Amino acid sequence: MNEIQSRMIELLPRLRRFALALTGDKDKADDLVQDTCERALSHLDQWQPGTSLDSWMYRIAQNIWIDHHRSRKSHGEQQQIEDMADLPGVDGRHFTEMRLTLAAVTESISRLPADQQVLVAMVCVEGIPYKEAAAILGIPIGTVMSRLSRARQTLYAALTEPPASAPAAVRASIRER
């Protein structure tokens, strides 16, 4: 195994976290990582030694995800039948609230524009510094900051404001949290 392949293997946990943040699903994240590695290995001649292998791999993952995201918008969302069944788990208020909060966050992130989703995944989930995210995406750091600011404001509003169509009692209980 050569040095580049071993560096790719070291990158896999970080790449998987990034993919999970983008897709919101473990299986889809694993598929994205696999597709990323496959594409990277088949196009290894396009990587320029001396540049960041991490950035190159993140960029490949992002491009694959965006292509899939666009395809999903034009073809509609598909759900697996086994995903539709209720999942067994701990029965309790705290657990239920955590699941509802996580579902709300995941749903809110999925409603962000694709460029904001990528930045939330890179900076907020993966912990990539603004400067590095800007370099990976090929955009100015100010654009990274403004997109993240808009994404955070949108997420905050989506997670703190009750839906207008909710009954008054539900809106009141949401405000109490």
Protein backbone atom coordinates (compact mmCIF):
# COMPACT_ATOMS: atom_id res chain seq x y z
CA MET A 1 0.00 0.00 0.00
CA ASN A 2 1.44 3.35 -0.94
CA GLU A 3 1.59 6.49 1.19
CA ILE A 4 -1.42 8.20 -0.42
CA GLN A 5 -3.67 5.19 0.18
CA SER A 6 -2.62 5.02 3.83
CA ARG A 7 -3.30 8.76 4.21
CA MET A 8 -6.75 8.18 2.71
CA ILE A 9 -7.40 5.44 5.26
CA GLU A 10 -6.41 7.80 8.10
CA LEU A 11 -8.89 10.35 6.72
CA LEU A 12 -11.85 7.92 6.67
CA PRO A 13 -13.27 8.71 10.16
CA ARG A 14 -13.29 12.45 9.46
CA LEU A 15 -14.68 11.92 5.98
CA ARG A 16 -17.44 9.70 7.41
CA ARG A 17 -18.45 12.36 9.96
CA PHE A 18 -18.56 14.92 7.16
CA ALA A 19 -20.67 12.58 5.00
CA LEU A 20 -23.01 11.85 7.91
CA ALA A 21 -23.52 15.56 8.47
CA LEU A 22 -24.37 16.04 4.80
CA THR A 23 -26.67 13.05 4.37
CA GLY A 24 -28.21 12.74 7.83
CA ASP A 25 -28.21 8.94 7.47
CA LYS A 26 -25.50 6.42 8.40
CA ASP A 27 -26.06 4.16 5.41
CA LYS A 28 -26.11 7.05 2.94
CA ALA A 29 -23.00 8.48 4.62
CA ASP A 30 -21.18 5.16 4.21
CA ASP A 31 -22.22 5.06 0.56
CA LEU A 32 -20.95 8.63 0.08
CA VAL A 33 -17.59 7.78 1.68
CA GLN A 34 -17.29 4.68 -0.50
CA ASP A 35 -18.13 6.65 -3.65
CA THR A 36 -15.65 9.35 -2.61
CA CYS A 37 -12.83 6.85 -2.08
CA GLU A 38 -13.65 5.06 -5.31
CA ARG A 39 -13.60 8.29 -7.28
CA ALA A 40 -10.43 9.51 -5.55
CA LEU A 41 -8.57 6.28 -6.27
CA SER A 42 -9.71 6.16 -9.87
CA HIS A 43 -8.70 9.80 -10.42
CA LEU A 44 -5.56 9.81 -8.30
CA ASP A 45 -3.64 11.28 -11.22
CA GLN A 46 -5.67 14.48 -10.78
CA TRP A 47 -4.46 15.06 -7.20
CA GLN A 48 -1.47 17.36 -7.13
CA PRO A 49 1.29 16.35 -4.70
CA GLY A 50 2.03 19.13 -2.26
CA THR A 51 -1.64 20.09 -1.97
CA SER A 52 -3.95 19.01 0.84
CA LEU A 53 -5.25 15.49 0.32
CA ASP A 54 -7.94 16.22 2.94
CA SER A 55 -9.28 19.19 1.00
CA TRP A 56 -9.28 17.22 -2.24
CA MET A 57 -11.23 14.35 -0.65
CA TYR A 58 -13.74 16.71 1.01
CA ARG A 59 -14.27 18.44 -2.33
CA ILE A 60 -14.93 15.10 -4.05
CA ALA A 61 -17.44 14.14 -1.34
CA GLN A 62 -19.13 17.51 -1.59
CA ASN A 63 -19.43 17.27 -5.38
CA ILE A 64 -20.88 13.75 -5.23
CA TRP A 65 -23.36 14.84 -2.56
CA ILE A 66 -24.42 17.94 -4.50
CA ASP A 67 -24.93 15.84 -7.65
CA HIS A 68 -27.06 13.39 -5.66
CA HIS A 69 -28.92 16.26 -3.97
CA ARG A 70 -29.79 17.80 -7.33
CA SER A 71 -30.88 14.44 -8.69
CA ARG A 72 -33.08 13.85 -5.65
CA LYS A 73 -34.78 17.22 -6.15
CA SER A 74 -35.61 16.43 -9.76
CA HIS A 75 -36.69 12.82 -9.12
CA GLY A 76 -38.26 13.27 -5.67
CA GLU A 77 -37.37 11.74 -2.32
CA GLN A 78 -37.40 7.95 -2.11
CA GLN A 79 -37.88 6.05 1.13
CA GLN A 80 -37.01 2.45 1.85
CA ILE A 81 -39.89 0.38 3.20
CA GLU A 82 -37.79 -0.91 6.12
CA ASP A 83 -37.11 2.69 7.16
CA MET A 84 -40.82 3.32 7.56
CA ALA A 85 -41.31 0.88 10.45
CA ASP A 86 -41.15 2.19 14.02
CA LEU A 87 -37.79 1.65 15.63
CA PRO A 88 -37.72 -0.15 18.97
CA GLY A 89 -36.12 1.87 21.71
CA VAL A 90 -36.27 3.24 25.20
CA ASP A 91 -39.67 4.61 26.11
CA GLY A 92 -39.40 7.88 27.93
CA ARG A 93 -40.06 11.59 27.72
CA HIS A 94 -36.40 12.64 27.65
CA PHE A 95 -35.51 10.17 24.92
CA THR A 96 -38.53 11.21 22.86
CA GLU A 97 -37.71 14.90 23.23
CA MET A 98 -34.10 14.25 22.19
CA ARG A 99 -35.28 12.36 19.10
CA LEU A 100 -37.75 15.11 18.22
CA THR A 101 -35.07 17.76 18.64
CA LEU A 102 -32.60 15.82 16.53
CA ALA A 103 -35.26 15.28 13.87
CA ALA A 104 -36.09 18.99 13.91
CA VAL A 105 -32.41 19.94 13.57
CA THR A 106 -31.85 17.43 10.78
CA GLU A 107 -34.98 18.60 8.96
CA SER A 108 -34.01 22.26 9.39
CA ILE A 109 -30.51 21.61 8.05
CA SER A 110 -31.95 19.72 5.07
CA ARG A 111 -34.06 22.79 4.19
CA LEU A 112 -31.00 25.05 4.00
CA PRO A 113 -29.59 25.81 0.55
CA ALA A 114 -26.94 23.26 -0.49
CA ASP A 115 -24.05 25.76 -0.11
CA GLN A 116 -25.10 26.48 3.47
CA GLN A 117 -25.55 22.77 4.27
CA VAL A 118 -22.01 22.07 3.11
CA LEU A 119 -20.62 24.83 5.33
CA VAL A 120 -22.62 23.73 8.39
CA ALA A 121 -21.28 20.21 7.88
CA MET A 122 -17.69 21.36 7.39
CA VAL A 123 -17.45 24.03 10.09
CA CYS A 124 -20.06 23.13 12.73
CA VAL A 125 -19.95 19.34 12.53
CA GLU A 126 -16.46 18.56 11.29
CA GLY A 127 -14.76 21.53 12.98
CA ILE A 128 -12.89 22.69 9.90
CA PRO A 129 -11.60 26.26 10.35
CA TYR A 130 -13.22 28.97 8.25
CA LYS A 131 -10.01 29.58 6.31
CA GLU A 132 -9.64 25.92 5.38
CA ALA A 133 -13.33 25.64 4.43
CA ALA A 134 -12.91 28.68 2.19
CA ALA A 135 -9.88 27.07 0.54
CA ILE A 136 -11.69 23.73 0.06
CA LEU A 137 -14.70 25.42 -1.52
CA GLY A 138 -12.67 27.99 -3.46
CA ILE A 139 -14.59 30.95 -2.03
CA PRO A 140 -13.53 33.98 0.02
CA ILE A 141 -13.52 33.62 3.81
CA GLY A 142 -16.05 36.44 4.05
CA THR A 143 -18.47 34.39 1.98
CA VAL A 144 -17.96 31.46 4.35
CA MET A 145 -18.74 33.70 7.33
CA SER A 146 -21.82 35.28 5.76
CA ARG A 147 -23.26 31.94 4.58
CA LEU A 148 -22.70 30.41 8.01
CA SER A 149 -24.30 33.41 9.66
CA ARG A 150 -27.37 33.11 7.45
CA ALA A 151 -27.51 29.36 8.02
CA ARG A 152 -27.30 29.77 11.80
CA GLN A 153 -29.98 32.46 11.81
CA THR A 154 -32.26 30.30 9.69
CA LEU A 155 -31.69 27.27 11.92
CA TYR A 156 -32.28 29.31 15.07
CA ALA A 157 -35.53 30.69 13.70
CA ALA A 158 -36.68 27.28 12.53
CA LEU A 159 -35.93 25.67 15.88
CA THR A 160 -37.29 28.37 18.19
CA GLU A 161 -40.37 29.67 16.41
CA PRO A 162 -43.45 27.46 16.58
CA PRO A 163 -45.14 26.65 13.31
CA ALA A 164 -47.91 29.14 12.52
CA SER A 165 -50.32 26.30 11.74
CA ALA A 166 -49.90 24.71 15.20
CA PRO A 167 -52.78 25.05 17.67
CA ALA A 168 -52.37 27.77 20.31
CA ALA A 169 -51.73 25.22 23.12
CA VAL A 170 -48.90 23.62 21.11
CA ARG A 171 -47.35 27.01 20.29
CA ALA A 172 -47.47 27.93 24.01
CA SER A 173 -45.75 24.69 25.06
CA ILE A 174 -43.04 25.19 22.45
CA ARG A 175 -42.33 28.70 23.78
CA GLU A 176 -42.00 27.32 27.35
CA ARG A 177 -39.06 25.08 26.43
